[in-house]
PDB file of N, CA and C in Angstrom:
ATOM      1  N   MET A   1     157.943  73.931 -22.982  1.00  0.00           N
ATOM      2  CA  MET A   1     157.019  74.727 -23.650  1.00  0.00           C
ATOM      3  C   MET A   1     157.351  76.328 -22.724  1.00  0.00           C
ATOM      4  N   ILE A   2     157.353  77.158 -23.671  1.00  0.00           N
ATOM      5  CA  ILE A   2     157.506  78.425 -22.912  1.00  0.00           C
ATOM      6  C   ILE A   2     155.929  78.852 -22.682  1.00  0.00           C
ATOM      7  N   ASP A   3     156.221  79.742 -21.208  1.00  0.00           N
ATOM      8  CA  ASP A   3     155.131  80.134 -20.757  1.00  0.00           C
ATOM      9  C   ASP A   3     154.536  81.942 -21.182  1.00  0.00           C
ATOM     10  N   TYR A   4     154.072  81.973 -22.271  1.00  0.00           N
ATOM     11  CA  TYR A   4     153.813  83.071 -22.846  1.00  0.00           C
ATOM     12  C   TYR A   4     153.301  84.079 -21.948  1.00  0.00           C
ATOM     13  N   LYS A   5     152.125  83.514 -20.857  1.00  0.00           N
ATOM     14  CA  LYS A   5     151.534  84.483 -19.931  1.00  0.00           C
ATOM     15  C   LYS A   5     152.331  84.990 -19.154  1.00  0.00           C
ATOM     16  N   GLN A   6     153.853  84.834 -19.103  1.00  0.00           N
ATOM     17  CA  GLN A   6     154.782  85.498 -18.134  1.00  0.00           C
ATOM     18  C   GLN A   6     155.697  86.193 -18.888  1.00  0.00           C
ATOM     19  N   THR A   7     155.492  86.667 -20.177  1.00  0.00           N
ATOM     20  CA  THR A   7     156.164  87.446 -20.927  1.00  0.00           C
ATOM     21  C   THR A   7     156.342  88.617 -20.521  1.00  0.00           C
ATOM     22  N   ARG A   8     157.156  89.659 -20.635  1.00  0.00           N
ATOM     23  CA  ARG A   8     157.339  90.939 -20.029  1.00  0.00           C
ATOM     24  C   ARG A   8     157.105  91.723 -21.881  1.00  0.00           C
ATOM     25  N   ALA A   9     156.708  91.119 -22.855  1.00  0.00           N
ATOM     26  CA  ALA A   9     156.573  92.036 -24.057  1.00  0.00           C
ATOM     27  C   ALA A   9     155.381  92.856 -23.705  1.00  0.00           C
ATOM     28  N   PRO A  10     155.477  94.123 -24.177  1.00  0.00           N
ATOM     29  CA  PRO A  10     154.131  95.118 -24.205  1.00  0.00           C
ATOM     30  C   PRO A  10     153.037  94.474 -24.609  1.00  0.00           C
ATOM     31  N   LYS A  11     151.758  95.238 -24.366  1.00  0.00           N
ATOM     32  CA  LYS A  11     150.754  94.600 -24.675  1.00  0.00           C
ATOM     33  C   LYS A  11     150.442  95.359 -25.561  1.00  0.00           C
ATOM     34  N   THR A  12     150.693  96.377 -25.922  1.00  0.00           N
ATOM     35  CA  THR A  12     150.241  97.459 -27.318  1.00  0.00           C
ATOM     36  C   THR A  12     151.638  97.841 -27.977  1.00  0.00           C
ATOM     37  N   THR A  13     151.299  98.136 -29.172  1.00  0.00           N
ATOM     38  CA  THR A  13     152.540  98.370 -30.016  1.00  0.00           C
ATOM     39  C   THR A  13     153.116  99.519 -29.483  1.00  0.00           C
ATOM     40  N   ILE A  14     154.288  99.348 -29.850  1.00  0.00           N
ATOM     41  CA  ILE A  14     155.397 100.568 -29.287  1.00  0.00           C
ATOM     42  C   ILE A  14     156.295 100.806 -30.706  1.00  0.00           C
ATOM     43  N   THR A  15     156.649 102.085 -30.658  1.00  0.00           N
ATOM     44  CA  THR A  15     157.466 102.430 -31.613  1.00  0.00           C
ATOM     45  C   THR A  15     159.141 101.962 -31.215  1.00  0.00           C
ATOM     46  N   ARG A  16     159.504 101.312 -32.141  1.00  0.00           N
ATOM     47  CA  ARG A  16     161.006 100.808 -31.985  1.00  0.00           C
ATOM     48  C   ARG A  16     161.957 101.288 -32.992  1.00  0.00           C
ATOM     49  N   ASP A  17     163.261 101.765 -32.651  1.00  0.00           N
ATOM     50  CA  ASP A  17     164.320 102.248 -33.718  1.00  0.00           C
ATOM     51  C   ASP A  17     164.798 101.085 -34.647  1.00  0.00           C
ATOM     52  N   ILE A  18     164.753 101.194 -35.741  1.00  0.00           N
ATOM     53  CA  ILE A  18     164.725 100.218 -36.640  1.00  0.00           C
ATOM     54  C   ILE A  18     166.217  99.788 -36.753  1.00  0.00           C
ATOM     55  N   ASN A  19     166.923 100.812 -36.562  1.00  0.00           N
ATOM     56  CA  ASN A  19     168.410 101.123 -36.513  1.00  0.00           C
ATOM     57  C   ASN A  19     169.092  99.623 -35.352  1.00  0.00           C
ATOM     58  N   GLU A  20     168.371 100.383 -34.145  1.00  0.00           N
ATOM     59  CA  GLU A  20     168.832  99.543 -33.084  1.00  0.00           C
ATOM     60  C   GLU A  20     168.329  97.987 -33.314  1.00  0.00           C
ATOM     61  N   LEU A  21     167.289  97.667 -33.751  1.00  0.00           N
ATOM     62  CA  LEU A  21     166.612  96.066 -34.356  1.00  0.00           C
ATOM     63  C   LEU A  21     167.853  95.522 -35.153  1.00  0.00           C
ATOM     64  N   THR A  22     168.414  96.244 -36.349  1.00  0.00           N
ATOM     65  CA  THR A  22     169.202  95.991 -37.370  1.00  0.00           C
ATOM     66  C   THR A  22     170.591  95.347 -37.014  1.00  0.00           C
ATOM     67  N   GLU A  23     170.570  96.309 -35.888  1.00  0.00           N
ATOM     68  CA  GLU A  23     172.629  96.143 -35.331  1.00  0.00           C
ATOM     69  C   GLU A  23     172.972  94.659 -35.107  1.00  0.00           C
ATOM     70  N   LYS A  24     172.286  93.458 -34.883  1.00  0.00           N
ATOM     71  CA  LYS A  24     172.505  92.317 -34.496  1.00  0.00           C
ATOM     72  C   LYS A  24     172.862  91.615 -35.831  1.00  0.00           C
ATOM     73  N   VAL A  25     171.850  91.654 -36.754  1.00  0.00           N
ATOM     74  CA  VAL A  25     172.029  91.003 -38.011  1.00  0.00           C
ATOM     75  C   VAL A  25     172.655  91.826 -39.245  1.00  0.00           C
ATOM     76  N   GLY A  26     172.335  93.538 -39.117  1.00  0.00           N
ATOM     77  CA  GLY A  26     172.926  94.005 -40.477  1.00  0.00           C
ATOM     78  C   GLY A  26     172.130  94.423 -41.453  1.00  0.00           C
ATOM     79  N   ASN A  27     170.795  93.610 -41.412  1.00  0.00           N
ATOM     80  CA  ASN A  27     170.099  93.995 -42.598  1.00  0.00           C
ATOM     81  C   ASN A  27     168.609  93.862 -42.235  1.00  0.00           C
ATOM     82  N   VAL A  28     167.803  94.682 -42.330  1.00  0.00           N
ATOM     83  CA  VAL A  28     166.494  95.308 -42.289  1.00  0.00           C
ATOM     84  C   VAL A  28     165.321  93.860 -42.466  1.00  0.00           C
ATOM     85  N   TYR A  29     165.780  93.522 -43.538  1.00  0.00           N
ATOM     86  CA  TYR A  29     164.901  92.617 -44.087  1.00  0.00           C
ATOM     87  C   TYR A  29     164.975  90.948 -43.371  1.00  0.00           C
ATOM     88  N   GLU A  30     166.318  90.694 -42.986  1.00  0.00           N
ATOM     89  CA  GLU A  30     166.538  89.314 -42.516  1.00  0.00           C
ATOM     90  C   GLU A  30     166.038  89.552 -40.998  1.00  0.00           C
ATOM     91  N   THR A  31     166.259  90.864 -40.411  1.00  0.00           N
ATOM     92  CA  THR A  31     165.659  90.808 -39.133  1.00  0.00           C
ATOM     93  C   THR A  31     164.123  90.981 -39.161  1.00  0.00           C
ATOM     94  N   VAL A  32     163.518  91.957 -40.190  1.00  0.00           N
ATOM     95  CA  VAL A  32     162.026  91.109 -40.078  1.00  0.00           C
ATOM     96  C   VAL A  32     161.542  89.849 -40.266  1.00  0.00           C
ATOM     97  N   ALA A  33     162.391  88.947 -41.003  1.00  0.00           N
ATOM     98  CA  ALA A  33     162.169  87.371 -41.476  1.00  0.00           C
ATOM     99  C   ALA A  33     162.229  86.828 -40.157  1.00  0.00           C
ATOM    100  N   ILE A  34     163.520  86.948 -39.462  1.00  0.00           N
ATOM    101  CA  ILE A  34     163.562  86.404 -38.209  1.00  0.00           C
ATOM    102  C   ILE A  34     162.167  86.716 -37.187  1.00  0.00           C
ATOM    103  N   ILE A  35     161.829  87.748 -36.840  1.00  0.00           N
ATOM    104  CA  ILE A  35     160.894  88.263 -35.983  1.00  0.00           C
ATOM    105  C   ILE A  35     159.505  87.256 -36.825  1.00  0.00           C
ATOM    106  N   GLY A  36     159.416  87.632 -37.767  1.00  0.00           N
ATOM    107  CA  GLY A  36     158.158  87.176 -38.617  1.00  0.00           C
ATOM    108  C   GLY A  36     157.960  85.431 -38.378  1.00  0.00           C
ATOM    109  N   LYS A  37     159.432  84.699 -38.817  1.00  0.00           N
ATOM    110  CA  LYS A  37     159.127  83.520 -38.535  1.00  0.00           C
ATOM    111  C   LYS A  37     158.891  83.038 -37.095  1.00  0.00           C
ATOM    112  N   ARG A  38     159.431  83.745 -36.029  1.00  0.00           N
ATOM    113  CA  ARG A  38     159.401  83.289 -34.752  1.00  0.00           C
ATOM    114  C   ARG A  38     157.959  83.784 -34.355  1.00  0.00           C
ATOM    115  N   SER A  39     157.126  84.734 -34.675  1.00  0.00           N
ATOM    116  CA  SER A  39     156.053  85.369 -34.453  1.00  0.00           C
ATOM    117  C   SER A  39     154.938  84.211 -34.806  1.00  0.00           C
ATOM    118  N   ASN A  40     155.092  83.549 -36.185  1.00  0.00           N
ATOM    119  CA  ASN A  40     154.246  82.668 -36.647  1.00  0.00           C
ATOM    120  C   ASN A  40     154.528  81.065 -35.898  1.00  0.00           C
ATOM    121  N   GLN A  41     155.789  80.979 -35.288  1.00  0.00           N
ATOM    122  CA  GLN A  41     156.061  79.884 -34.360  1.00  0.00           C
ATOM    123  C   GLN A  41     155.158  80.107 -32.850  1.00  0.00           C
ATOM    124  N   ILE A  42     155.119  81.427 -32.445  1.00  0.00           N
ATOM    125  CA  ILE A  42     154.175  81.425 -31.078  1.00  0.00           C
ATOM    126  C   ILE A  42     152.640  81.515 -31.390  1.00  0.00           C
ATOM    127  N   SER A  43     152.499  81.760 -32.388  1.00  0.00           N
ATOM    128  CA  SER A  43     151.162  82.166 -33.055  1.00  0.00           C
ATOM    129  C   SER A  43     150.579  80.460 -33.051  1.00  0.00           C
ATOM    130  N   THR A  44     150.937  79.716 -33.786  1.00  0.00           N
ATOM    131  CA  THR A  44     150.985  78.167 -33.787  1.00  0.00           C
ATOM    132  C   THR A  44     151.124  77.537 -32.404  1.00  0.00           C
ATOM    133  N   ALA A  45     151.794  77.875 -31.784  1.00  0.00           N
ATOM    134  CA  ALA A  45     151.725  77.261 -30.358  1.00  0.00           C
ATOM    135  C   ALA A  45     150.644  77.713 -29.596  1.00  0.00           C
ATOM    136  N   LEU A  46     150.491  79.010 -29.438  1.00  0.00           N
ATOM    137  CA  LEU A  46     149.305  79.713 -28.922  1.00  0.00           C
ATOM    138  C   LEU A  46     147.969  78.842 -29.093  1.00  0.00           C
ATOM    139  N   LYS A  47     147.885  78.747 -30.759  1.00  0.00           N
ATOM    140  CA  LYS A  47     146.632  78.553 -30.979  1.00  0.00           C
ATOM    141  C   LYS A  47     146.082  76.891 -30.617  1.00  0.00           C
ATOM    142  N   LYS A  48     147.473  75.955 -30.709  1.00  0.00           N
ATOM    143  CA  LYS A  48     147.615  74.485 -30.397  1.00  0.00           C
ATOM    144  C   LYS A  48     147.057  74.493 -28.780  1.00  0.00           C
ATOM    145  N   GLU A  49     147.570  75.276 -28.022  1.00  0.00           N
ATOM    146  CA  GLU A  49     147.465  75.450 -26.649  1.00  0.00           C
ATOM    147  C   GLU A  49     146.116  75.699 -26.242  1.00  0.00           C
ATOM    148  N   LEU A  50     145.401  76.793 -26.770  1.00  0.00           N
ATOM    149  CA  LEU A  50     144.202  77.232 -26.779  1.00  0.00           C
ATOM    150  C   LEU A  50     143.146  76.418 -27.234  1.00  0.00           C
ATOM    151  N   ASP A  51     143.146  75.328 -28.336  1.00  0.00           N
ATOM    152  CA  ASP A  51     142.635  74.444 -28.837  1.00  0.00           C
ATOM    153  C   ASP A  51     142.470  73.413 -28.035  1.00  0.00           C
ATOM    154  N   ALA A  52     143.807  72.786 -27.445  1.00  0.00           N
ATOM    155  CA  ALA A  52     143.658  71.638 -26.439  1.00  0.00           C
ATOM    156  C   ALA A  52     143.060  72.164 -25.175  1.00  0.00           C
ATOM    157  N   LYS A  53     142.997  73.201 -24.846  1.00  0.00           N
ATOM    158  CA  LYS A  53     142.120  73.647 -23.460  1.00  0.00           C
ATOM    159  C   LYS A  53     140.869  73.762 -23.835  1.00  0.00           C
ATOM    160  N   LEU A  54     140.270  74.301 -24.900  1.00  0.00           N
ATOM    161  CA  LEU A  54     139.009  74.560 -25.441  1.00  0.00           C
ATOM    162  C   LEU A  54     138.438  72.845 -25.654  1.00  0.00           C
ATOM    163  N   GLN A  55     139.154  72.229 -26.119  1.00  0.00           N
ATOM    164  CA  GLN A  55     138.945  70.711 -26.668  1.00  0.00           C
ATOM    165  C   GLN A  55     138.043  69.912 -25.495  1.00  0.00           C
ATOM    166  N   ASP A  56     138.432  70.200 -24.168  1.00  0.00           N
ATOM    167  CA  ASP A  56     137.555  69.862 -22.852  1.00  0.00           C
ATOM    168  C   ASP A  56     135.948  70.014 -22.760  1.00  0.00           C
ATOM    169  N   PHE A  57     135.946  71.206 -23.520  1.00  0.00           N
ATOM    170  CA  PHE A  57     134.424  71.839 -23.304  1.00  0.00           C
ATOM    171  C   PHE A  57     133.604  71.290 -24.821  1.00  0.00           C
ATOM    172  N   SER A  58     134.017  70.893 -25.360  1.00  0.00           N
ATOM    173  CA  SER A  58     133.504  70.382 -26.735  1.00  0.00           C
ATOM    174  C   SER A  58     132.466  69.377 -26.472  1.00  0.00           C
ATOM    175  N   ILE A  59     131.495  69.333 -26.921  1.00  0.00           N
ATOM    176  CA  ILE A  59     130.516  68.626 -26.713  1.00  0.00           C
ATOM    177  C   ILE A  59     129.831  68.050 -28.169  1.00  0.00           C
ATOM    178  N   PRO A  60     129.778  66.782 -28.342  1.00  0.00           N
ATOM    179  CA  PRO A  60     129.432  66.374 -29.690  1.00  0.00           C
ATOM    180  C   PRO A  60     128.058  66.353 -29.777  1.00  0.00           C
ATOM    181  N   GLN A  61     127.550  67.252 -30.829  1.00  0.00           N
ATOM    182  CA  GLN A  61     126.129  67.470 -31.056  1.00  0.00           C
ATOM    183  C   GLN A  61     125.900  67.116 -32.578  1.00  0.00           C
ATOM    184  N   ASP A  62     124.558  66.789 -32.686  1.00  0.00           N
ATOM    185  CA  ASP A  62     124.251  66.362 -34.065  1.00  0.00           C
ATOM    186  C   ASP A  62     123.826  67.723 -34.666  1.00  0.00           C
ATOM    187  N   SER A  63     123.341  68.696 -33.926  1.00  0.00           N
ATOM    188  CA  SER A  63     122.844  70.033 -34.575  1.00  0.00           C
ATOM    189  C   SER A  63     123.473  70.996 -33.744  1.00  0.00           C
ATOM    190  N   ILE A  64     123.582  71.958 -34.748  1.00  0.00           N
ATOM    191  CA  ILE A  64     124.369  73.342 -33.881  1.00  0.00           C
ATOM    192  C   ILE A  64     123.285  74.354 -33.646  1.00  0.00           C
ATOM    193  N   GLU A  65     121.807  73.753 -33.637  1.00  0.00           N
ATOM    194  CA  GLU A  65     121.216  74.793 -32.944  1.00  0.00           C
ATOM    195  C   GLU A  65     121.172  75.596 -31.579  1.00  0.00           C
ATOM    196  N   GLU A  66     121.629  74.587 -30.626  1.00  0.00           N
ATOM    197  CA  GLU A  66     122.256  75.165 -29.216  1.00  0.00           C
ATOM    198  C   GLU A  66     123.423  75.656 -29.344  1.00  0.00           C
ATOM    199  N   THR A  67     123.681  76.842 -28.964  1.00  0.00           N
ATOM    200  CA  THR A  67     125.028  77.132 -28.748  1.00  0.00           C
ATOM    201  C   THR A  67     125.190  77.201 -26.911  1.00  0.00           C
ATOM    202  N   PHE A  68     125.787  76.252 -26.252  1.00  0.00           N
ATOM    203  CA  PHE A  68     126.399  76.131 -24.689  1.00  0.00           C
ATOM    204  C   PHE A  68     127.298  76.771 -24.527  1.00  0.00           C
ATOM    205  N   GLU A  69     127.318  78.164 -23.857  1.00  0.00           N
ATOM    206  CA  GLU A  69     128.523  78.622 -23.335  1.00  0.00           C
ATOM    207  C   GLU A  69     128.731  78.580 -21.772  1.00  0.00           C
ATOM    208  N   ASN A  70     130.095  78.079 -22.019  1.00  0.00           N
ATOM    209  CA  ASN A  70     130.336  77.904 -20.362  1.00  0.00           C
ATOM    210  C   ASN A  70     131.381  78.852 -19.828  1.00  0.00           C
ATOM    211  N   LYS A  71     131.339  79.542 -18.545  1.00  0.00           N
ATOM    212  CA  LYS A  71     131.777  80.558 -18.125  1.00  0.00           C
ATOM    213  C   LYS A  71     133.495  80.064 -18.108  1.00  0.00           C
ATOM    214  N   GLU A  72     133.643  78.888 -17.767  1.00  0.00           N
ATOM    215  CA  GLU A  72     135.401  78.782 -17.487  1.00  0.00           C
ATOM    216  C   GLU A  72     135.842  78.773 -19.436  1.00  0.00           C
ATOM    217  N   GLN A  73     135.074  78.422 -20.037  1.00  0.00           N
ATOM    218  CA  GLN A  73     135.451  78.701 -21.827  1.00  0.00           C
ATOM    219  C   GLN A  73     135.588  79.907 -22.155  1.00  0.00           C
ATOM    220  N   ILE A  74     134.717  80.574 -21.469  1.00  0.00           N
ATOM    221  CA  ILE A  74     134.990  82.150 -21.938  1.00  0.00           C
ATOM    222  C   ILE A  74     136.043  82.877 -21.111  1.00  0.00           C
ATOM    223  N   GLU A  75     136.306  82.575 -19.831  1.00  0.00           N
ATOM    224  CA  GLU A  75     137.584  83.066 -19.287  1.00  0.00           C
ATOM    225  C   GLU A  75     138.763  82.745 -19.834  1.00  0.00           C
ATOM    226  N   ILE A  76     139.034  81.295 -20.449  1.00  0.00           N
ATOM    227  CA  ILE A  76     140.207  80.741 -20.799  1.00  0.00           C
ATOM    228  C   ILE A  76     140.378  81.540 -22.365  1.00  0.00           C
ATOM    229  N   SER A  77     139.367  81.669 -23.072  1.00  0.00           N
ATOM    230  CA  SER A  77     139.504  82.574 -24.261  1.00  0.00           C
ATOM    231  C   SER A  77     139.697  83.923 -24.307  1.00  0.00           C
ATOM    232  N   ARG A  78     139.272  84.580 -22.794  1.00  0.00           N
ATOM    233  CA  ARG A  78     139.543  86.060 -22.417  1.00  0.00           C
ATOM    234  C   ARG A  78     141.159  86.078 -22.297  1.00  0.00           C
ATOM    235  N   SER A  79     141.623  85.127 -21.357  1.00  0.00           N
ATOM    236  CA  SER A  79     142.964  85.078 -21.005  1.00  0.00           C
ATOM    237  C   SER A  79     144.078  85.161 -22.304  1.00  0.00           C
ATOM    238  N   TYR A  80     143.452  84.519 -23.302  1.00  0.00           N
ATOM    239  CA  TYR A  80     144.545  84.537 -24.483  1.00  0.00           C
ATOM    240  C   TYR A  80     144.371  85.675 -25.180  1.00  0.00           C
ATOM    241  N   GLU A  81     143.120  86.301 -25.239  1.00  0.00           N
ATOM    242  CA  GLU A  81     143.144  87.835 -25.903  1.00  0.00           C
ATOM    243  C   GLU A  81     143.653  89.017 -25.029  1.00  0.00           C
ATOM    244  N   LYS A  82     144.049  88.778 -23.858  1.00  0.00           N
ATOM    245  CA  LYS A  82     144.869  89.669 -23.216  1.00  0.00           C
ATOM    246  C   LYS A  82     146.504  89.060 -23.681  1.00  0.00           C
ATOM    247  N   LEU A  83     146.730  88.234 -23.935  1.00  0.00           N
ATOM    248  CA  LEU A  83     148.222  88.266 -23.780  1.00  0.00           C
ATOM    249  C   LEU A  83     148.589  89.388 -25.168  1.00  0.00           C
ATOM    250  N   PRO A  84     149.885  89.322 -24.921  1.00  0.00           N
ATOM    251  CA  PRO A  84     150.577  90.217 -26.049  1.00  0.00           C
ATOM    252  C   PRO A  84     150.348  89.785 -27.439  1.00  0.00           C
ATOM    253  N   LYS A  85     150.289  90.062 -28.644  1.00  0.00           N
ATOM    254  CA  LYS A  85     150.370  89.559 -29.849  1.00  0.00           C
ATOM    255  C   LYS A  85     151.834  88.912 -30.073  1.00  0.00           C
ATOM    256  N   PRO A  86     151.456  87.812 -30.823  1.00  0.00           N
ATOM    257  CA  PRO A  86     152.868  87.040 -31.183  1.00  0.00           C
ATOM    258  C   PRO A  86     154.005  87.675 -31.895  1.00  0.00           C
ATOM    259  N   THR A  87     153.373  88.911 -32.666  1.00  0.00           N
ATOM    260  CA  THR A  87     154.810  90.092 -33.088  1.00  0.00           C
ATOM    261  C   THR A  87     155.509  90.536 -32.048  1.00  0.00           C
ATOM    262  N   LEU A  88     154.636  90.987 -30.863  1.00  0.00           N
ATOM    263  CA  LEU A  88     155.308  91.689 -29.847  1.00  0.00           C
ATOM    264  C   LEU A  88     156.266  90.943 -29.246  1.00  0.00           C
ATOM    265  N   ILE A  89     155.915  89.597 -28.839  1.00  0.00           N
ATOM    266  CA  ILE A  89     156.405  88.595 -28.149  1.00  0.00           C
ATOM    267  C   ILE A  89     157.932  88.301 -28.651  1.00  0.00           C
ATOM    268  N   ALA A  90     157.718  88.054 -30.037  1.00  0.00           N
ATOM    269  CA  ALA A  90     158.987  87.579 -30.972  1.00  0.00           C
ATOM    270  C   ALA A  90     159.809  89.183 -30.935  1.00  0.00           C
ATOM    271  N   THR A  91     159.306  90.146 -30.805  1.00  0.00           N
ATOM    272  CA  THR A  91     160.284  91.162 -30.760  1.00  0.00           C
ATOM    273  C   THR A  91     160.947  91.590 -29.686  1.00  0.00           C
ATOM    274  N   GLU A  92     160.372  91.424 -28.581  1.00  0.00           N
ATOM    275  CA  GLU A  92     160.863  91.270 -27.271  1.00  0.00           C
ATOM    276  C   GLU A  92     161.828  90.037 -26.979  1.00  0.00           C
ATOM    277  N   GLU A  93     161.721  88.735 -27.628  1.00  0.00           N
ATOM    278  CA  GLU A  93     162.566  88.108 -27.455  1.00  0.00           C
ATOM    279  C   GLU A  93     163.860  88.336 -28.486  1.00  0.00           C
ATOM    280  N   PHE A  94     163.741  88.722 -29.584  1.00  0.00           N
ATOM    281  CA  PHE A  94     164.790  89.396 -30.275  1.00  0.00           C
ATOM    282  C   PHE A  94     165.653  90.432 -29.725  1.00  0.00           C
ATOM    283  N   ILE A  95     165.127  91.397 -29.098  1.00  0.00           N
ATOM    284  CA  ILE A  95     165.691  92.380 -28.347  1.00  0.00           C
ATOM    285  C   ILE A  95     166.567  91.832 -27.332  1.00  0.00           C
ATOM    286  N   ASN A  96     166.000  90.879 -26.386  1.00  0.00           N
ATOM    287  CA  ASN A  96     166.772  90.456 -25.460  1.00  0.00           C
ATOM    288  C   ASN A  96     167.313  89.050 -25.942  1.00  0.00           C
ATOM    289  N   ASP A  97     167.834  89.063 -27.118  1.00  0.00           N
ATOM    290  CA  ASP A  97     168.714  87.847 -27.181  1.00  0.00           C
ATOM    291  C   ASP A  97     168.227  86.463 -26.679  1.00  0.00           C
ATOM    292  N   GLU A  98     166.849  86.274 -26.966  1.00  0.00           N
ATOM    293  CA  GLU A  98     166.506  84.813 -26.646  1.00  0.00           C
ATOM    294  C   GLU A  98     166.135  84.286 -27.544  1.00  0.00           C
ATOM    295  N   LEU A  99     166.244  84.834 -28.967  1.00  0.00           N
ATOM    296  CA  LEU A  99     166.609  83.808 -30.030  1.00  0.00           C
ATOM    297  C   LEU A  99     167.600  83.311 -30.675  1.00  0.00           C
ATOM    298  N   ILE A 100     167.688  81.819 -31.152  1.00  0.00           N
ATOM    299  CA  ILE A 100     168.893  81.228 -31.964  1.00  0.00           C
ATOM    300  C   ILE A 100     168.670  81.513 -33.584  1.00  0.00           C
ATOM    301  N   TYR A 101     169.042  81.902 -34.144  1.00  0.00           N
ATOM    302  CA  TYR A 101     168.925  81.903 -35.615  1.00  0.00           C
ATOM    303  C   TYR A 101     170.008  81.601 -36.555  1.00  0.00           C
ATOM    304  N   ARG A 102     169.426  81.387 -37.565  1.00  0.00           N
ATOM    305  CA  ARG A 102     170.847  80.886 -38.404  1.00  0.00           C
ATOM    306  C   ARG A 102     170.739  81.979 -39.576  1.00  0.00           C
ATOM    307  N   SER A 103     172.088  82.216 -40.201  1.00  0.00           N
ATOM    308  CA  SER A 103     171.802  83.266 -41.561  1.00  0.00           C
ATOM    309  C   SER A 103     171.862  81.974 -42.488  1.00  0.00           C
ATOM    310  N   GLY A 104     171.315  82.465 -43.570  1.00  0.00           N
ATOM    311  CA  GLY A 104     170.839  81.615 -44.756  1.00  0.00           C
ATOM    312  C   GLY A 104     172.203  81.562 -45.711  1.00  0.00           C
ATOM    313  N   ASN A 105     173.015  82.646 -45.583  1.00  0.00           N
ATOM    314  CA  ASN A 105     174.435  82.968 -46.328  1.00  0.00           C
ATOM    315  C   ASN A 105     175.549  82.107 -45.618  1.00  0.00           C
ATOM    316  N   LYS A 106     175.414  81.846 -44.383  1.00  0.00           N
ATOM    317  CA  LYS A 106     176.701  81.424 -43.752  1.00  0.00           C
ATOM    318  C   LYS A 106     176.031  80.296 -42.869  1.00  0.00           C
ATOM    319  N   ASP A 107     177.065  79.746 -42.432  1.00  0.00           N
ATOM    320  CA  ASP A 107     177.074  77.885 -41.545  1.00  0.00           C
ATOM    321  C   ASP A 107     177.067  78.816 -40.220  1.00  0.00           C
ATOM    322  N   GLU A 108     177.228  79.649 -39.963  1.00  0.00           N
ATOM    323  CA  GLU A 108     177.529  79.931 -38.278  1.00  0.00           C
ATOM    324  C   GLU A 108     176.108  80.340 -37.732  1.00  0.00           C
ATOM    325  N   VAL A 109     175.843  80.354 -36.520  1.00  0.00           N
ATOM    326  CA  VAL A 109     174.670  80.736 -35.485  1.00  0.00           C
ATOM    327  C   VAL A 109     174.849  82.145 -35.273  1.00  0.00           C
ATOM    328  N   LEU A 110     173.811  82.860 -35.584  1.00  0.00           N
ATOM    329  CA  LEU A 110     173.838  84.177 -34.802  1.00  0.00           C
ATOM    330  C   LEU A 110     173.182  84.284 -33.336  1.00  0.00           C
ATOM    331  N   LYS A 111     173.259  84.810 -32.742  1.00  0.00           N
ATOM    332  CA  LYS A 111     172.555  85.218 -31.564  1.00  0.00           C
ATOM    333  C   LYS A 111     172.659  86.713 -31.002  1.00  0.00           C
TER     334      LYS A 111
END
């Protein structure tokens, strides 16, 4: 599993030159599709990881009248909120050639 807490992706959105992004693939739409699919993978992985960590704090209750907030639970949630957005992580991986993807029109692997 990749440790997304160690990523060098920016925490805020920055402007990118679309021409530089599309040089590797040659098509804006394929570039966006690749980054979008990777972003969805990252988002799903982060959600599963967060849910697994927060599952330790869940207490089976018959009623939802009382909301018990644990400081550790809040700290875990905040640490995930501070991470860069999945789209920014995926874009950074794409720029740094850390992604392996296949073209739908060819049988070759692009990198």
